[in-house]
Amino acid sequence: MRDEGYGRYGVVLVTASSQGEADKIAEVLVRAKLAACVSLMPIRSIYTWKGEVHSDEEWQLVIKTDLSQFDRLEAMVREVHSYDVPEIIALPILAGSLPYLQWIAEQVN
C-alpha cells in the first residue's frame, strides 16, 4: 500500500565490526527515538580499504526510520561507531503496509 508520505520512511543500512558494536548502535538509536526497529544479522563483506582487498565478518544493521531524521541518526552512528568510514546509507520505502508505516511514525521523533 502506498502512503501519502511515500519515501518519507526508509531503511538505513549500517555495518558494524561485531555483534556487540551492532547491539550498542541499535540500542542507542532506538532509545533516542531515531529508529523504530533495528534488525541485526551476521554477514561477510568483501571490500577494498587503503588499496587492499579485505574479507571480514561483520554485522548488518537494517534500521527502520523516518528519513527526516537521517542527519541526527547519521551523527549518532558516527559518535558510537568504531570505523573511520562507516557505511551509513538510506533507502526509501516506496510502498509498505500502512499500519507498519504508522507504527514507525509513532516510534520516531
Protein backbone atom coordinates (compact mmCIF):
# COMPACT_ATOMS: atom_id res chain seq x y z
CA MET A 1 0.00 0.00 0.00
CA ARG A 2 1.26 3.48 -0.74
CA ASP A 3 1.24 6.13 1.94
CA GLU A 4 0.74 9.82 1.10
CA GLY A 5 4.20 10.46 2.51
CA TYR A 6 5.82 7.70 0.46
CA GLY A 7 9.55 7.97 0.58
CA ARG A 8 9.35 9.63 4.00
CA TYR A 9 10.13 6.34 5.69
CA GLY A 10 13.10 4.18 4.90
CA VAL A 11 15.75 1.77 5.98
CA VAL A 12 19.26 2.83 6.79
CA LEU A 13 22.00 0.24 6.32
CA VAL A 14 24.99 0.25 8.64
CA THR A 15 27.66 -2.42 9.04
CA ALA A 16 29.47 -2.99 12.32
CA SER A 17 32.62 -4.88 13.26
CA SER A 18 30.99 -7.14 15.87
CA GLN A 19 27.68 -8.19 17.35
CA GLY A 20 28.46 -6.14 20.44
CA GLU A 21 29.03 -2.99 18.41
CA ALA A 22 25.87 -3.65 16.36
CA ASP A 23 23.84 -4.14 19.56
CA LYS A 24 25.21 -0.89 21.00
CA ILE A 25 24.40 1.13 17.87
CA ALA A 26 20.90 -0.36 17.66
CA GLU A 27 20.10 0.32 21.30
CA VAL A 28 21.38 3.90 21.15
CA LEU A 29 19.23 4.63 18.08
CA VAL A 30 16.05 3.05 19.45
CA ARG A 31 16.44 4.73 22.87
CA ALA A 32 16.99 8.11 21.15
CA LYS A 33 13.79 7.54 19.11
CA LEU A 34 15.76 7.77 15.86
CA ALA A 35 14.81 4.20 14.87
CA ALA A 36 11.57 2.31 15.31
CA CYS A 37 13.34 -1.03 14.94
CA VAL A 38 16.79 -2.32 14.07
CA SER A 39 17.25 -5.81 12.64
CA LEU A 40 20.72 -7.37 13.00
CA MET A 41 22.30 -10.18 11.02
CA PRO A 42 25.81 -11.59 10.53
CA ILE A 43 27.31 -11.07 7.07
CA ARG A 44 30.61 -11.39 5.22
CA SER A 45 31.85 -8.29 3.41
CA ILE A 46 34.50 -8.16 0.70
CA TYR A 47 35.76 -4.64 0.07
CA THR A 48 38.80 -2.54 -0.73
CA TRP A 49 40.31 -0.43 2.04
CA LYS A 50 43.56 1.53 1.67
CA GLY A 51 44.42 -0.28 -1.56
CA GLU A 52 43.94 -3.81 -0.22
CA VAL A 53 41.05 -6.26 -0.63
CA HIS A 54 39.62 -7.41 2.69
CA SER A 55 37.14 -10.17 3.55
CA ASP A 56 35.62 -9.74 7.00
CA GLU A 57 32.78 -11.00 9.16
CA GLU A 58 30.56 -8.04 10.03
CA TRP A 59 27.08 -7.35 11.35
CA GLN A 60 24.47 -5.69 9.14
CA LEU A 61 22.02 -3.32 10.79
CA VAL A 62 18.75 -2.64 8.96
CA ILE A 63 17.36 0.46 10.65
CA LYS A 64 13.71 1.37 10.10
CA THR A 65 13.21 5.11 10.48
CA ASP A 66 11.66 8.37 9.35
CA LEU A 67 14.18 9.68 6.84
CA SER A 68 13.63 13.26 8.02
CA GLN A 69 15.76 12.15 10.99
CA PHE A 70 18.67 10.94 8.83
CA ASP A 71 21.11 13.72 9.77
CA ARG A 72 20.62 13.11 13.51
CA LEU A 73 20.77 9.34 13.02
CA GLU A 74 23.99 9.60 11.00
CA ALA A 75 25.61 11.83 13.62
CA MET A 76 24.72 9.41 16.41
CA VAL A 77 26.03 6.39 14.48
CA ARG A 78 29.31 8.23 13.85
CA GLU A 79 29.62 9.01 17.59
CA VAL A 80 29.50 5.35 18.65
CA HIS A 81 30.92 3.56 15.59
CA SER A 82 34.49 2.23 15.54
CA TYR A 83 35.08 2.58 11.76
CA ASP A 84 36.78 5.63 10.24
CA VAL A 85 34.28 5.49 7.36
CA PRO A 86 31.19 3.56 8.43
CA GLU A 87 28.55 2.50 5.93
CA ILE A 88 25.52 4.71 6.56
CA ILE A 89 23.20 4.62 3.55
CA ALA A 90 19.47 5.31 3.38
CA LEU A 91 16.98 3.59 1.10
CA PRO A 92 13.43 4.94 0.87
CA ILE A 93 10.45 2.68 1.42
CA LEU A 94 8.43 3.24 -1.74
CA ALA A 95 5.46 1.20 -0.57
CA GLY A 96 4.57 -0.51 2.67
CA SER A 97 1.85 -1.67 4.98
CA LEU A 98 0.10 1.47 6.23
CA PRO A 99 -0.18 0.18 9.82
CA TYR A 100 3.57 -0.58 9.84
CA LEU A 101 4.46 2.85 8.45
CA GLN A 102 2.19 4.46 11.05
CA TRP A 103 3.98 2.44 13.75
CA ILE A 104 7.35 3.78 12.50
CA ALA A 105 5.93 7.32 12.67
CA GLU A 106 4.78 6.76 16.26
CA GLN A 107 8.19 5.45 17.36
CA VAL A 108 10.49 8.00 15.72
CA ASN A 109 10.65 11.65 16.82
